[in-house]
C-alpha atoms as a PDB file:
ATOM      1  CA  UNK A   1     116.391  90.358  97.409  1.00  0.00           C
ATOM      2  CA  UNK A   2     116.339  92.070 100.677  1.00  0.00           C
ATOM      3  CA  UNK A   3     113.234  93.923 102.526  1.00  0.00           C
ATOM      4  CA  UNK A   4     114.693  97.462 101.686  1.00  0.00           C
ATOM      5  CA  UNK A   5     115.201  96.751  98.106  1.00  0.00           C
ATOM      6  CA  UNK A   6     111.817  94.990  97.670  1.00  0.00           C
ATOM      7  CA  UNK A   7     110.301  98.250  99.240  1.00  0.00           C
ATOM      8  CA  UNK A   8     112.778 100.437  97.221  1.00  0.00           C
ATOM      9  CA  UNK A   9     111.245  98.602  93.930  1.00  0.00           C
ATOM     10  CA  UNK A  10     107.761  98.852  94.780  1.00  0.00           C
ATOM     11  CA  UNK A  11     107.970 102.513  95.961  1.00  0.00           C
ATOM     12  CA  UNK A  12     109.866 103.524  92.344  1.00  0.00           C
ATOM     13  CA  UNK A  13     107.069 101.410  90.546  1.00  0.00           C
ATOM     14  CA  UNK A  14     104.196 103.803  92.364  1.00  0.00           C
ATOM     15  CA  UNK A  15     106.172 106.653  91.794  1.00  0.00           C
ATOM     16  CA  UNK A  16     106.868 106.482  88.217  1.00  0.00           C
ATOM     17  CA  UNK A  17     102.985 105.365  87.852  1.00  0.00           C
ATOM     18  CA  UNK A  18     102.007 108.811  89.674  1.00  0.00           C
ATOM     19  CA  UNK A  19     104.499 110.921  87.135  1.00  0.00           C
ATOM     20  CA  UNK A  20     103.161 108.627  84.056  1.00  0.00           C
ATOM     21  CA  UNK A  21      99.489 109.947  85.091  1.00  0.00           C
ATOM     22  CA  UNK A  22     100.509 113.615  85.464  1.00  0.00           C
ATOM     23  CA  UNK A  23     102.226 113.697  82.338  1.00  0.00           C
ATOM     24  CA  UNK A  24      99.144 112.169  80.374  1.00  0.00           C
ATOM     25  CA  UNK A  25     100.440 108.818  79.559  1.00  0.00           C
ATOM     26  CA  UNK A  26      97.535 106.904  81.203  1.00  0.00           C
ATOM     27  CA  UNK A  27      98.463 103.573  79.543  1.00  0.00           C
ATOM     28  CA  UNK A  28     102.095 103.690  81.058  1.00  0.00           C
ATOM     29  CA  UNK A  29     100.705 104.685  84.421  1.00  0.00           C
ATOM     30  CA  UNK A  30      98.066 102.102  84.578  1.00  0.00           C
ATOM     31  CA  UNK A  31     100.883  99.553  83.809  1.00  0.00           C
ATOM     32  CA  UNK A  32     102.785 100.756  86.561  1.00  0.00           C
ATOM     33  CA  UNK A  33     100.008 100.841  89.211  1.00  0.00           C
ATOM     34  CA  UNK A  34      99.180  97.416  88.184  1.00  0.00           C
ATOM     35  CA  UNK A  35     102.522  96.174  88.130  1.00  0.00           C
ATOM     36  CA  UNK A  36     102.969  97.612  91.756  1.00  0.00           C
ATOM     37  CA  UNK A  37      99.687  95.834  93.136  1.00  0.00           C
ATOM     38  CA  UNK A  38     100.616  92.548  91.654  1.00  0.00           C
ATOM     39  CA  UNK A  39     104.283  92.642  93.111  1.00  0.00           C
ATOM     40  CA  UNK A  40     103.050  93.732  96.476  1.00  0.00           C
ATOM     41  CA  UNK A  41     100.610  91.062  96.821  1.00  0.00           C
ATOM     42  CA  UNK A  42     103.335  88.298  95.533  1.00  0.00           C
ATOM     43  CA  UNK A  43     105.880  89.737  98.589  1.00  0.00           C
ATOM     44  CA  UNK A  44     103.254  89.707 101.310  1.00  0.00           C
ATOM     45  CA  UNK A  45     102.097  86.331 100.174  1.00  0.00           C
ATOM     46  CA  UNK A  46     105.526  84.859 100.363  1.00  0.00           C
ATOM     47  CA  UNK A  47     106.326  85.794 104.015  1.00  0.00           C
ATOM     48  CA  UNK A  48     105.908  82.696 106.362  1.00  0.00           C
ATOM     49  CA  UNK A  49     103.200  82.910 108.591  1.00  0.00           C
END
């Protein structure tokens, strides 16, 4: 997966969390924010030093 696709996926998860929060779906938005945070940490740690 290219860096652009990773960034796009992360951005979409974050935006879906924001829309879920605005619409009142707090459980869905929490899961979306958690998935974005975990995915972000995984992709950062896989990069070579």
